[in-house]
Amino acid sequence: MWRRITGGCVGPDGAVPSEPAHAPVRGMLHSAHVPDGDVGWMVWRPDGVSASTPLPVIVALPGRGSPASWVFDELHLHAFLAAELARTGADVALASVDGGESYWHARADGEDRMAMLETEFLPLLEREFGLGRRGRVVAGWSMGGYGALLAAERDPDRWSGVAVASPAIWPDYGDVWVGDAFDGRADFARNDVFAGVGRLERMPAWIGCGTSDPFYDNTRRLAASLPGARTDWADGGHDQCLWRLVAPPQMAAAVFSLHG
């Protein structure tokens, strides 16, 4: 099981579109909710759009231990988004923030990446870049997919949609095999995305997963609770090859959630 997460690609690798001309910007925020305080972020705006123009934004949550730069430098998500924007004529920005390893919820040691996201990073995007006032979608992969679902369930009015690939989710605490994902049964119950999935019934949702992914059955089970969700079950595992393969429909769904 773990080999499929840390090893080579299980299925085909998705082709990456050409890099857009406009490069993303990088920065740091000092967070009161992260032990060492320093959290990296990245922001990309579409080519030809003024820096002062307010835009909707896709907020991307990377997986366990991955920085914001993974979304851009490894997954190349801004290239996939740029291709979708060229196809539709829409304008949408992309932003990401460091994921850490604490599973995007308040932990016993004081770390709370969700509070960082909600009370520090999203306000920074609005204040410094004018992003989110016209809508925002939360996206994620693996641990970040879990975090995206949790964020959307916690405050459905904050988000215009959710788009996750290979979310690292479990329907019951006894099924959890990443030992430090939760601080016990009560912590799991407070942050159980299966228990809160009904809060997403009116939200546009896209859910994808590889058929060889160890989270495939769990992801199918959650998607079955959202009959209106768009789904994509592709040949692949829990890896970047699969996430690049499904990035085009993921970005298409996210842009549609913002522009219809």
C-alpha atoms as a PDB file:
ATOM      1  CA  MET A   1       0.000   0.000   0.000  1.00  0.00           C
ATOM      2  CA  TRP A   2       2.682   2.529   0.995  1.00  0.00           C
ATOM      3  CA  ARG A   3       4.716   1.702  -2.121  1.00  0.00           C
ATOM      4  CA  ARG A   4       1.875   3.008  -4.231  1.00  0.00           C
ATOM      5  CA  ILE A   5       2.048   6.348  -2.452  1.00  0.00           C
ATOM      6  CA  THR A   6       5.825   6.802  -2.369  1.00  0.00           C
ATOM      7  CA  GLY A   7       6.961   4.785  -5.381  1.00  0.00           C
ATOM      8  CA  GLY A   8       6.791   5.293  -9.121  1.00  0.00           C
ATOM      9  CA  CYS A   9       3.725   5.923 -11.220  1.00  0.00           C
ATOM     10  CA  VAL A  10       1.114   3.187 -11.328  1.00  0.00           C
ATOM     11  CA  GLY A  11      -0.606   4.433 -14.494  1.00  0.00           C
ATOM     12  CA  PRO A  12       0.048   6.767 -17.432  1.00  0.00           C
ATOM     13  CA  ASP A  13       1.447  10.272 -16.909  1.00  0.00           C
ATOM     14  CA  GLY A  14      -0.634  13.229 -18.031  1.00  0.00           C
ATOM     15  CA  ALA A  15       0.999  15.549 -20.558  1.00  0.00           C
ATOM     16  CA  VAL A  16       1.771  19.038 -19.227  1.00  0.00           C
ATOM     17  CA  PRO A  17       0.677  21.987 -21.404  1.00  0.00           C
ATOM     18  CA  SER A  18       3.081  24.793 -22.288  1.00  0.00           C
ATOM     19  CA  GLU A  19       4.030  27.034 -19.378  1.00  0.00           C
ATOM     20  CA  PRO A  20       2.176  30.368 -19.429  1.00  0.00           C
ATOM     21  CA  ALA A  21       4.243  33.496 -20.057  1.00  0.00           C
ATOM     22  CA  HIS A  22       3.271  35.151 -16.783  1.00  0.00           C
ATOM     23  CA  ALA A  23       5.296  33.580 -13.964  1.00  0.00           C
ATOM     24  CA  PRO A  24       3.859  33.037 -10.480  1.00  0.00           C
ATOM     25  CA  VAL A  25       5.019  35.159  -7.553  1.00  0.00           C
ATOM     26  CA  ARG A  26       6.293  33.719  -4.281  1.00  0.00           C
ATOM     27  CA  GLY A  27       6.115  35.003  -0.735  1.00  0.00           C
ATOM     28  CA  MET A  28       6.045  34.158   2.943  1.00  0.00           C
ATOM     29  CA  LEU A  29       3.575  34.865   5.687  1.00  0.00           C
ATOM     30  CA  HIS A  30       4.262  34.642   9.386  1.00  0.00           C
ATOM     31  CA  SER A  31       1.493  32.532  10.903  1.00  0.00           C
ATOM     32  CA  ALA A  32       0.299  32.508  14.490  1.00  0.00           C
ATOM     33  CA  HIS A  33      -1.058  28.995  13.870  1.00  0.00           C
ATOM     34  CA  VAL A  34       2.132  27.226  12.723  1.00  0.00           C
ATOM     35  CA  PRO A  35       4.914  26.405  15.234  1.00  0.00           C
ATOM     36  CA  ASP A  36       7.860  27.886  13.315  1.00  0.00           C
ATOM     37  CA  GLY A  37       5.641  30.663  11.973  1.00  0.00           C
ATOM     38  CA  ASP A  38       6.977  30.829   8.412  1.00  0.00           C
ATOM     39  CA  VAL A  39       4.598  29.642   5.681  1.00  0.00           C
ATOM     40  CA  GLY A  40       5.355  29.889   1.981  1.00  0.00           C
ATOM     41  CA  TRP A  41       2.794  30.769  -0.662  1.00  0.00           C
ATOM     42  CA  MET A  42       2.566  31.272  -4.426  1.00  0.00           C
ATOM     43  CA  VAL A  43       0.132  33.185  -6.627  1.00  0.00           C
ATOM     44  CA  TRP A  44      -0.405  33.148 -10.394  1.00  0.00           C
ATOM     45  CA  ARG A  45      -2.556  35.525 -12.434  1.00  0.00           C
ATOM     46  CA  PRO A  46      -3.512  34.872 -16.077  1.00  0.00           C
ATOM     47  CA  ASP A  47      -1.443  36.454 -18.826  1.00  0.00           C
ATOM     48  CA  GLY A  48      -2.635  39.901 -19.859  1.00  0.00           C
ATOM     49  CA  VAL A  49      -4.692  40.586 -16.714  1.00  0.00           C
ATOM     50  CA  SER A  50      -3.805  43.716 -14.759  1.00  0.00           C
ATOM     51  CA  ALA A  51      -2.435  43.178 -11.257  1.00  0.00           C
ATOM     52  CA  SER A  52      -5.161  45.493  -9.947  1.00  0.00           C
ATOM     53  CA  THR A  53      -8.048  43.504 -11.458  1.00  0.00           C
ATOM     54  CA  PRO A  54     -10.057  41.543  -8.848  1.00  0.00           C
ATOM     55  CA  LEU A  55     -10.334  37.899  -9.866  1.00  0.00           C
ATOM     56  CA  PRO A  56     -11.875  34.673  -8.627  1.00  0.00           C
ATOM     57  CA  VAL A  57      -9.268  32.223  -7.424  1.00  0.00           C
ATOM     58  CA  ILE A  58      -8.571  28.522  -7.093  1.00  0.00           C
ATOM     59  CA  VAL A  59      -6.897  27.895  -3.727  1.00  0.00           C
ATOM     60  CA  ALA A  60      -4.776  24.747  -3.967  1.00  0.00           C
ATOM     61  CA  LEU A  61      -3.858  22.688  -0.890  1.00  0.00           C
ATOM     62  CA  PRO A  62      -0.862  20.386  -1.486  1.00  0.00           C
ATOM     63  CA  GLY A  63      -0.363  16.990   0.093  1.00  0.00           C
ATOM     64  CA  ARG A  64       1.493  15.964   3.218  1.00  0.00           C
ATOM     65  CA  GLY A  65       4.878  17.624   3.563  1.00  0.00           C
ATOM     66  CA  SER A  66       4.570  19.469   0.265  1.00  0.00           C
ATOM     67  CA  PRO A  67       5.155  23.211  -0.096  1.00  0.00           C
ATOM     68  CA  ALA A  68       3.125  25.645  -2.148  1.00  0.00           C
ATOM     69  CA  SER A  69       5.763  25.390  -4.877  1.00  0.00           C
ATOM     70  CA  TRP A  70       4.829  21.738  -5.507  1.00  0.00           C
ATOM     71  CA  VAL A  71       1.568  22.886  -7.102  1.00  0.00           C
ATOM     72  CA  PHE A  72       3.485  24.978  -9.633  1.00  0.00           C
ATOM     73  CA  ASP A  73       6.929  23.413 -10.016  1.00  0.00           C
ATOM     74  CA  GLU A  74       5.950  19.722  -9.898  1.00  0.00           C
ATOM     75  CA  LEU A  75       2.265  19.492 -10.844  1.00  0.00           C
ATOM     76  CA  HIS A  76       2.402  22.574 -13.138  1.00  0.00           C
ATOM     77  CA  LEU A  77      -1.204  23.315 -12.310  1.00  0.00           C
ATOM     78  CA  HIS A  78      -1.000  26.891 -13.585  1.00  0.00           C
ATOM     79  CA  ALA A  79      -0.195  25.479 -17.047  1.00  0.00           C
ATOM     80  CA  PHE A  80      -3.306  23.299 -16.926  1.00  0.00           C
ATOM     81  CA  LEU A  81      -5.385  26.225 -15.712  1.00  0.00           C
ATOM     82  CA  ALA A  82      -4.006  28.519 -18.420  1.00  0.00           C
ATOM     83  CA  ALA A  83      -4.997  25.960 -21.058  1.00  0.00           C
ATOM     84  CA  GLU A  84      -8.541  25.847 -19.661  1.00  0.00           C
ATOM     85  CA  LEU A  85      -8.761  29.644 -19.561  1.00  0.00           C
ATOM     86  CA  ALA A  86      -7.620  29.830 -23.183  1.00  0.00           C
ATOM     87  CA  ARG A  87     -10.367  27.363 -24.086  1.00  0.00           C
ATOM     88  CA  THR A  88     -13.140  29.188 -22.211  1.00  0.00           C
ATOM     89  CA  GLY A  89     -12.052  32.829 -22.256  1.00  0.00           C
ATOM     90  CA  ALA A  90     -12.474  33.065 -18.487  1.00  0.00           C
ATOM     91  CA  ASP A  91     -10.039  34.725 -16.068  1.00  0.00           C
ATOM     92  CA  VAL A  92      -9.187  32.867 -12.847  1.00  0.00           C
ATOM     93  CA  ALA A  93      -6.126  33.117 -10.600  1.00  0.00           C
ATOM     94  CA  LEU A  94      -4.367  30.279  -8.797  1.00  0.00           C
ATOM     95  CA  ALA A  95      -2.894  30.360  -5.284  1.00  0.00           C
ATOM     96  CA  SER A  96      -1.267  27.797  -3.030  1.00  0.00           C
ATOM     97  CA  VAL A  97       0.139  27.668   0.492  1.00  0.00           C
ATOM     98  CA  ASP A  98       2.481  25.246   2.281  1.00  0.00           C
ATOM     99  CA  GLY A  99       0.719  22.110   3.496  1.00  0.00           C
ATOM    100  CA  GLY A 100       2.875  20.940   6.383  1.00  0.00           C
ATOM    101  CA  GLU A 101       2.086  17.508   7.831  1.00  0.00           C
ATOM    102  CA  SER A 102      -0.708  18.167  10.340  1.00  0.00           C
ATOM    103  CA  TYR A 103      -3.710  17.273   8.167  1.00  0.00           C
ATOM    104  CA  TRP A 104      -5.273  20.724   7.839  1.00  0.00           C
ATOM    105  CA  HIS A 105      -6.998  20.845  11.224  1.00  0.00           C
ATOM    106  CA  ALA A 106      -6.293  21.999  14.777  1.00  0.00           C
ATOM    107  CA  ARG A 107      -3.845  19.661  16.506  1.00  0.00           C
ATOM    108  CA  ALA A 108      -2.990  18.974  20.134  1.00  0.00           C
ATOM    109  CA  ASP A 109       0.463  20.523  19.696  1.00  0.00           C
ATOM    110  CA  GLY A 110      -1.085  23.869  18.710  1.00  0.00           C
ATOM    111  CA  GLU A 111      -0.601  23.694  14.957  1.00  0.00           C
ATOM    112  CA  ASP A 112      -3.719  24.605  12.966  1.00  0.00           C
ATOM    113  CA  ARG A 113      -3.222  24.891   9.210  1.00  0.00           C
ATOM    114  CA  MET A 114      -6.966  25.375   8.679  1.00  0.00           C
ATOM    115  CA  ALA A 115      -6.965  28.488  10.862  1.00  0.00           C
ATOM    116  CA  MET A 116      -3.903  29.696   8.946  1.00  0.00           C
ATOM    117  CA  LEU A 117      -5.779  29.188   5.679  1.00  0.00           C
ATOM    118  CA  GLU A 118      -9.016  30.830   6.798  1.00  0.00           C
ATOM    119  CA  THR A 119      -7.783  33.722   8.945  1.00  0.00           C
ATOM    120  CA  GLU A 120      -4.415  34.560   7.376  1.00  0.00           C
ATOM    121  CA  PHE A 121      -3.924  33.272   3.835  1.00  0.00           C
ATOM    122  CA  LEU A 122      -7.351  34.021   2.356  1.00  0.00           C
ATOM    123  CA  PRO A 123      -7.319  37.576   3.783  1.00  0.00           C
ATOM    124  CA  LEU A 124      -3.806  38.024   2.350  1.00  0.00           C
ATOM    125  CA  LEU A 125      -5.066  37.004  -1.100  1.00  0.00           C
ATOM    126  CA  GLU A 126      -7.877  39.553  -0.929  1.00  0.00           C
ATOM    127  CA  ARG A 127      -5.804  42.339   0.606  1.00  0.00           C
ATOM    128  CA  GLU A 128      -2.643  42.022  -1.491  1.00  0.00           C
ATOM    129  CA  PHE A 129      -3.976  40.622  -4.781  1.00  0.00           C
ATOM    130  CA  GLY A 130      -7.727  41.259  -4.921  1.00  0.00           C
ATOM    131  CA  LEU A 131      -8.338  37.509  -5.197  1.00  0.00           C
ATOM    132  CA  GLY A 132     -11.464  35.797  -3.902  1.00  0.00           C
ATOM    133  CA  ARG A 133     -13.924  38.651  -3.796  1.00  0.00           C
ATOM    134  CA  ARG A 134     -15.521  37.282  -6.984  1.00  0.00           C
ATOM    135  CA  GLY A 135     -15.495  33.685  -5.762  1.00  0.00           C
ATOM    136  CA  ARG A 136     -13.054  30.980  -4.745  1.00  0.00           C
ATOM    137  CA  VAL A 137     -12.743  27.233  -5.264  1.00  0.00           C
ATOM    138  CA  VAL A 138     -10.720  25.025  -2.933  1.00  0.00           C
ATOM    139  CA  ALA A 139      -8.722  22.217  -4.549  1.00  0.00           C
ATOM    140  CA  GLY A 140      -6.383  19.614  -3.121  1.00  0.00           C
ATOM    141  CA  TRP A 141      -4.507  16.337  -3.506  1.00  0.00           C
ATOM    142  CA  SER A 142      -4.017  13.547  -0.949  1.00  0.00           C
ATOM    143  CA  MET A 143      -3.833  15.211   2.490  1.00  0.00           C
ATOM    144  CA  GLY A 144      -4.672  18.471   0.738  1.00  0.00           C
ATOM    145  CA  GLY A 145      -7.718  16.817  -0.803  1.00  0.00           C
ATOM    146  CA  TYR A 146      -8.907  15.941   2.693  1.00  0.00           C
ATOM    147  CA  GLY A 147      -8.184  19.531   3.756  1.00  0.00           C
ATOM    148  CA  ALA A 148     -10.123  20.950   0.813  1.00  0.00           C
ATOM    149  CA  LEU A 149     -13.168  18.841   1.640  1.00  0.00           C
ATOM    150  CA  LEU A 150     -12.929  19.828   5.307  1.00  0.00           C
ATOM    151  CA  ALA A 151     -12.593  23.528   4.456  1.00  0.00           C
ATOM    152  CA  ALA A 152     -15.648  23.391   2.178  1.00  0.00           C
ATOM    153  CA  GLU A 153     -17.690  21.542   4.788  1.00  0.00           C
ATOM    154  CA  ARG A 154     -16.689  23.918   7.591  1.00  0.00           C
ATOM    155  CA  ASP A 155     -17.894  26.998   5.734  1.00  0.00           C
ATOM    156  CA  PRO A 156     -19.828  26.279   2.514  1.00  0.00           C
ATOM    157  CA  ASP A 157     -20.644  29.986   2.096  1.00  0.00           C
ATOM    158  CA  ARG A 158     -16.938  30.802   1.804  1.00  0.00           C
ATOM    159  CA  TRP A 159     -16.416  28.600  -1.271  1.00  0.00           C
ATOM    160  CA  SER A 160     -17.925  28.494  -4.773  1.00  0.00           C
ATOM    161  CA  GLY A 161     -16.822  24.890  -5.334  1.00  0.00           C
ATOM    162  CA  VAL A 162     -14.456  22.097  -4.340  1.00  0.00           C
ATOM    163  CA  ALA A 163     -12.243  19.986  -6.625  1.00  0.00           C
ATOM    164  CA  VAL A 164     -10.158  17.187  -5.101  1.00  0.00           C
ATOM    165  CA  ALA A 165      -7.994  14.381  -6.454  1.00  0.00           C
ATOM    166  CA  SER A 166      -7.096  11.287  -4.422  1.00  0.00           C
ATOM    167  CA  PRO A 167      -8.224  12.709  -1.075  1.00  0.00           C
ATOM    168  CA  ALA A 168      -6.616  10.935   1.895  1.00  0.00           C
ATOM    169  CA  ILE A 169      -9.860  10.124   3.688  1.00  0.00           C
ATOM    170  CA  TRP A 170     -11.264   7.371   5.881  1.00  0.00           C
ATOM    171  CA  PRO A 171     -14.908   6.655   6.773  1.00  0.00           C
ATOM    172  CA  ASP A 172     -14.098   5.402  10.293  1.00  0.00           C
ATOM    173  CA  TYR A 173     -11.342   6.099  12.812  1.00  0.00           C
ATOM    174  CA  GLY A 174     -10.492   2.418  12.985  1.00  0.00           C
ATOM    175  CA  ASP A 175      -9.590   2.501   9.278  1.00  0.00           C
ATOM    176  CA  VAL A 176      -6.974   5.263   9.625  1.00  0.00           C
ATOM    177  CA  TRP A 177      -3.553   3.884   8.711  1.00  0.00           C
ATOM    178  CA  VAL A 178      -1.586   7.144   8.779  1.00  0.00           C
ATOM    179  CA  GLY A 179      -0.932   7.041  12.506  1.00  0.00           C
ATOM    180  CA  ASP A 180      -0.452  10.759  13.190  1.00  0.00           C
ATOM    181  CA  ALA A 181      -3.257  12.099  10.999  1.00  0.00           C
ATOM    182  CA  PHE A 182      -5.501  12.625  14.039  1.00  0.00           C
ATOM    183  CA  ASP A 183      -5.019  13.038  17.779  1.00  0.00           C
ATOM    184  CA  GLY A 184      -7.301  10.136  18.637  1.00  0.00           C
ATOM    185  CA  ARG A 185     -10.904   9.168  18.056  1.00  0.00           C
ATOM    186  CA  ALA A 186     -12.438  12.421  19.312  1.00  0.00           C
ATOM    187  CA  ASP A 187     -10.204  14.486  17.022  1.00  0.00           C
ATOM    188  CA  PHE A 188     -11.226  12.323  14.071  1.00  0.00           C
ATOM    189  CA  ALA A 189     -14.916  12.780  14.933  1.00  0.00           C
ATOM    190  CA  ARG A 190     -14.534  16.575  15.044  1.00  0.00           C
ATOM    191  CA  ASN A 191     -12.964  16.563  11.585  1.00  0.00           C
ATOM    192  CA  ASP A 192     -14.758  13.674   9.871  1.00  0.00           C
ATOM    193  CA  VAL A 193     -15.416  14.628   6.234  1.00  0.00           C
ATOM    194  CA  PHE A 194     -17.798  11.687   5.783  1.00  0.00           C
ATOM    195  CA  ALA A 195     -19.978  12.933   8.631  1.00  0.00           C
ATOM    196  CA  GLY A 196     -20.032  16.454   7.173  1.00  0.00           C
ATOM    197  CA  VAL A 197     -20.451  15.633   3.501  1.00  0.00           C
ATOM    198  CA  GLY A 198     -24.118  16.643   3.525  1.00  0.00           C
ATOM    199  CA  ARG A 199     -22.998  20.270   3.827  1.00  0.00           C
ATOM    200  CA  LEU A 200     -21.680  20.033   0.256  1.00  0.00           C
ATOM    201  CA  GLU A 201     -24.999  19.038  -1.337  1.00  0.00           C
ATOM    202  CA  ARG A 202     -25.514  22.473  -2.929  1.00  0.00           C
ATOM    203  CA  MET A 203     -21.873  23.085  -3.791  1.00  0.00           C
ATOM    204  CA  PRO A 204     -20.373  22.238  -7.200  1.00  0.00           C
ATOM    205  CA  ALA A 205     -17.916  19.411  -6.565  1.00  0.00           C
ATOM    206  CA  TRP A 206     -15.413  17.460  -8.629  1.00  0.00           C
ATOM    207  CA  ILE A 207     -13.841  14.290  -7.207  1.00  0.00           C
ATOM    208  CA  GLY A 208     -11.191  12.201  -8.950  1.00  0.00           C
ATOM    209  CA  CYS A 209      -9.059   9.218  -7.982  1.00  0.00           C
ATOM    210  CA  GLY A 210      -6.918   6.506  -9.503  1.00  0.00           C
ATOM    211  CA  THR A 211      -8.396   3.018  -9.591  1.00  0.00           C
ATOM    212  CA  SER A 212      -5.166   1.620  -8.064  1.00  0.00           C
ATOM    213  CA  ASP A 213      -5.058   4.230  -5.299  1.00  0.00           C
ATOM    214  CA  PRO A 214      -5.339   2.889  -1.720  1.00  0.00           C
ATOM    215  CA  PHE A 215      -7.945   5.628  -1.124  1.00  0.00           C
ATOM    216  CA  TYR A 216     -10.014   4.673  -4.179  1.00  0.00           C
ATOM    217  CA  ASP A 217     -12.780   2.765  -2.345  1.00  0.00           C
ATOM    218  CA  ASN A 218     -13.076   5.472   0.319  1.00  0.00           C
ATOM    219  CA  THR A 219     -13.237   8.186  -2.326  1.00  0.00           C
ATOM    220  CA  ARG A 220     -15.927   6.328  -4.277  1.00  0.00           C
ATOM    221  CA  ARG A 221     -17.910   5.954  -1.057  1.00  0.00           C
ATOM    222  CA  LEU A 222     -17.770   9.678  -0.320  1.00  0.00           C
ATOM    223  CA  ALA A 223     -18.646  10.590  -3.914  1.00  0.00           C
ATOM    224  CA  ALA A 224     -21.695   8.323  -3.711  1.00  0.00           C
ATOM    225  CA  SER A 225     -23.006  10.634  -0.984  1.00  0.00           C
ATOM    226  CA  LEU A 226     -22.859  13.544  -3.444  1.00  0.00           C
ATOM    227  CA  PRO A 227     -24.930  12.430  -6.442  1.00  0.00           C
ATOM    228  CA  GLY A 228     -24.481  15.842  -8.081  1.00  0.00           C
ATOM    229  CA  ALA A 229     -20.683  15.698  -8.017  1.00  0.00           C
ATOM    230  CA  ARG A 230     -18.635  15.312 -11.184  1.00  0.00           C
ATOM    231  CA  THR A 231     -16.284  12.342 -10.893  1.00  0.00           C
ATOM    232  CA  ASP A 232     -13.282  10.998 -12.758  1.00  0.00           C
ATOM    233  CA  TRP A 233     -11.999   7.470 -12.039  1.00  0.00           C
ATOM    234  CA  ALA A 234      -8.772   7.137 -14.023  1.00  0.00           C
ATOM    235  CA  ASP A 235      -6.215   4.396 -14.513  1.00  0.00           C
ATOM    236  CA  GLY A 236      -3.488   5.216 -11.998  1.00  0.00           C
ATOM    237  CA  GLY A 237      -2.351   5.378  -8.400  1.00  0.00           C
ATOM    238  CA  HIS A 238      -1.630   7.924  -5.691  1.00  0.00           C
ATOM    239  CA  ASP A 239       0.971   9.944  -7.588  1.00  0.00           C
ATOM    240  CA  GLN A 240       1.688  12.988  -9.712  1.00  0.00           C
ATOM    241  CA  CYS A 241       1.186  11.031 -12.927  1.00  0.00           C
ATOM    242  CA  LEU A 242      -2.461  10.487 -12.027  1.00  0.00           C
ATOM    243  CA  TRP A 243      -2.882  14.056 -10.795  1.00  0.00           C
ATOM    244  CA  ARG A 244      -1.545  15.455 -14.068  1.00  0.00           C
ATOM    245  CA  LEU A 245      -3.784  13.047 -15.975  1.00  0.00           C
ATOM    246  CA  VAL A 246      -6.919  14.352 -14.254  1.00  0.00           C
ATOM    247  CA  ALA A 247      -5.813  18.003 -14.007  1.00  0.00           C
ATOM    248  CA  PRO A 248      -7.698  19.056 -17.182  1.00  0.00           C
ATOM    249  CA  PRO A 249     -11.144  17.937 -15.937  1.00  0.00           C
ATOM    250  CA  GLN A 250     -10.293  19.166 -12.446  1.00  0.00           C
ATOM    251  CA  MET A 251      -9.490  22.659 -13.732  1.00  0.00           C
ATOM    252  CA  ALA A 252     -12.479  22.616 -16.065  1.00  0.00           C
ATOM    253  CA  ALA A 253     -14.779  21.852 -13.136  1.00  0.00           C
ATOM    254  CA  ALA A 254     -13.169  24.510 -10.963  1.00  0.00           C
ATOM    255  CA  VAL A 255     -13.486  27.213 -13.634  1.00  0.00           C
ATOM    256  CA  PHE A 256     -17.084  26.205 -14.318  1.00  0.00           C
ATOM    257  CA  SER A 257     -17.863  26.521 -10.610  1.00  0.00           C
ATOM    258  CA  LEU A 258     -16.663  30.129 -10.757  1.00  0.00           C
ATOM    259  CA  HIS A 259     -18.027  31.218 -14.116  1.00  0.00           C
ATOM    260  CA  GLY A 260     -20.821  28.768 -14.974  1.00  0.00           C
END
